[in-house]
Every structure is written in structure tokens, then in C-alpha cells.
Amino acid sequence: MLHDFTFQVKRMEARLNLLRNKVMSEEAKQLQLESLEREMDLELNAQKTKIGMKLRQTGARLAEARAELATRERRLEQIEARYDTQPHLV
């Protein structure tokens, strides 16, 4: 009887150790996942910042191009008016 009880206790201890190892393994996995999630958040925020900066730069270049186009259109209108390049209706 004592032998059976001792065997059961040892078996329960072994199961408990397996369960502890499994829990520790799952906790380690959870910590790794949380760490990866933080890294991904940082990378995503860095990419968002980079894209935002590029958008602002592109917007500024677009505004410059529009201003240059408007200037050239006005200059062309002035040249056309000066040299009367429009055909006359007869």
C-alpha cells in the first residue's frame, strides 16, 4: 500500500514538473511575442514617420511645381498679349 502511494506521489510530482515546464515555456513564448509586438510597433511607427515626411516633401515639391506652372502660364499670357499671337477674326 505504501509503495502504491509513493508511486502515485512520484507520478504526480513528475506530472507537476511537466506542467511547470509547459507553463514556463508558454510564459517564455508570451514574453517573446510581446517583445516582437513592441518591435513591430516601433518599426511601424518609424515607417509611418518616414512616409509622413516623404508626403510633406512631395507636397512641398508639388506646391513649388504648381507655383512655377502658374508663373509660366502668366508669362506666356504676357508674351501672347504683347505679340498678339491670337488669330484675328475677319
Protein backbone atom coordinates (compact mmCIF):
# COMPACT_ATOMS: atom_id res chain seq x y z
CA MET A 1 0.00 0.00 0.00
CA LEU A 2 2.78 2.45 0.91
CA HIS A 3 4.60 1.52 -2.27
CA ASP A 4 1.49 2.36 -4.36
CA PHE A 5 1.09 5.66 -2.55
CA THR A 6 4.79 6.52 -3.06
CA PHE A 7 4.49 5.62 -6.73
CA GLN A 8 1.41 7.83 -7.10
CA VAL A 9 3.16 10.72 -5.36
CA LYS A 10 6.21 10.38 -7.64
CA ARG A 11 3.95 10.17 -10.67
CA MET A 12 2.06 13.29 -9.53
CA GLU A 13 5.37 15.09 -8.94
CA ALA A 14 6.52 14.17 -12.44
CA ARG A 15 3.25 15.44 -13.91
CA LEU A 16 3.58 18.62 -11.85
CA ASN A 17 7.13 19.16 -13.18
CA LEU A 18 5.92 18.63 -16.75
CA LEU A 19 3.12 21.12 -16.16
CA ARG A 20 5.55 23.65 -14.64
CA ASN A 21 7.88 23.29 -17.62
CA LYS A 22 4.98 23.70 -20.01
CA VAL A 23 3.76 26.82 -18.17
CA MET A 24 7.27 28.28 -18.15
CA SER A 25 7.60 27.52 -21.85
CA GLU A 26 4.27 29.22 -22.57
CA GLU A 27 5.28 32.22 -20.46
CA ALA A 28 8.55 32.47 -22.38
CA LYS A 29 6.63 32.31 -25.66
CA GLN A 30 4.27 35.02 -24.43
CA LEU A 31 7.21 37.25 -23.48
CA GLN A 32 8.79 36.69 -26.90
CA LEU A 33 5.52 37.52 -28.63
CA GLU A 34 5.14 40.70 -26.57
CA SER A 35 8.71 41.68 -27.40
CA LEU A 36 8.12 41.07 -31.12
CA GLU A 37 4.90 43.06 -30.95
CA ARG A 38 6.75 46.01 -29.39
CA GLU A 39 9.44 45.78 -32.08
CA MET A 40 6.81 45.71 -34.81
CA ASP A 41 5.04 48.72 -33.28
CA LEU A 42 8.32 50.65 -33.22
CA GLU A 43 9.10 49.69 -36.81
CA LEU A 44 5.58 50.60 -37.92
CA ASN A 45 5.79 53.98 -36.22
CA ALA A 46 9.20 54.61 -37.81
CA GLN A 47 7.78 53.75 -41.23
CA LYS A 48 4.74 55.98 -40.65
CA THR A 49 7.05 58.85 -39.70
CA LYS A 50 9.20 58.26 -42.79
CA ILE A 51 6.14 58.11 -45.06
CA GLY A 52 4.71 61.25 -43.46
CA MET A 53 7.98 63.08 -44.06
CA LYS A 54 8.05 61.95 -47.70
CA LEU A 55 4.44 63.05 -48.14
CA ARG A 56 5.25 66.50 -46.76
CA GLN A 57 8.29 66.77 -49.03
CA THR A 58 6.25 65.64 -52.03
CA GLY A 59 3.51 68.11 -51.14
CA ALA A 60 6.06 70.91 -50.93
CA ARG A 61 7.53 69.96 -54.32
CA LEU A 62 4.03 69.81 -55.80
CA ALA A 63 3.25 73.28 -54.46
CA GLU A 64 6.52 74.57 -55.96
CA ALA A 65 5.71 72.95 -59.32
CA ARG A 66 2.21 74.45 -59.31
CA ALA A 67 3.60 77.89 -58.49
CA GLU A 68 6.18 77.55 -61.27
CA LEU A 69 3.47 76.45 -63.72
CA ALA A 70 1.28 79.41 -62.77
CA THR A 71 4.25 81.77 -63.25
CA ARG A 72 4.98 80.30 -66.68
CA GLU A 73 1.31 80.50 -67.68
CA ARG A 74 1.21 84.18 -66.71
CA ARG A 75 4.44 84.81 -68.62
CA LEU A 76 3.03 83.03 -71.67
CA GLU A 77 -0.14 85.14 -71.46
CA GLN A 78 2.01 88.28 -71.28
CA ILE A 79 4.00 87.22 -74.34
CA GLU A 80 0.82 86.37 -76.24
CA ALA A 81 -0.68 89.75 -75.33
CA ARG A 82 2.49 91.61 -76.28
CA TYR A 83 2.89 89.97 -79.67
CA ASP A 84 -0.80 89.49 -80.30
CA THR A 85 -0.40 85.85 -81.26
CA GLN A 86 -4.14 85.22 -81.27
CA PRO A 87 -5.66 84.87 -84.77
CA HIS A 88 -7.93 87.74 -85.80
CA LEU A 89 -11.49 87.12 -86.85
CA VAL A 90 -12.15 88.59 -90.26
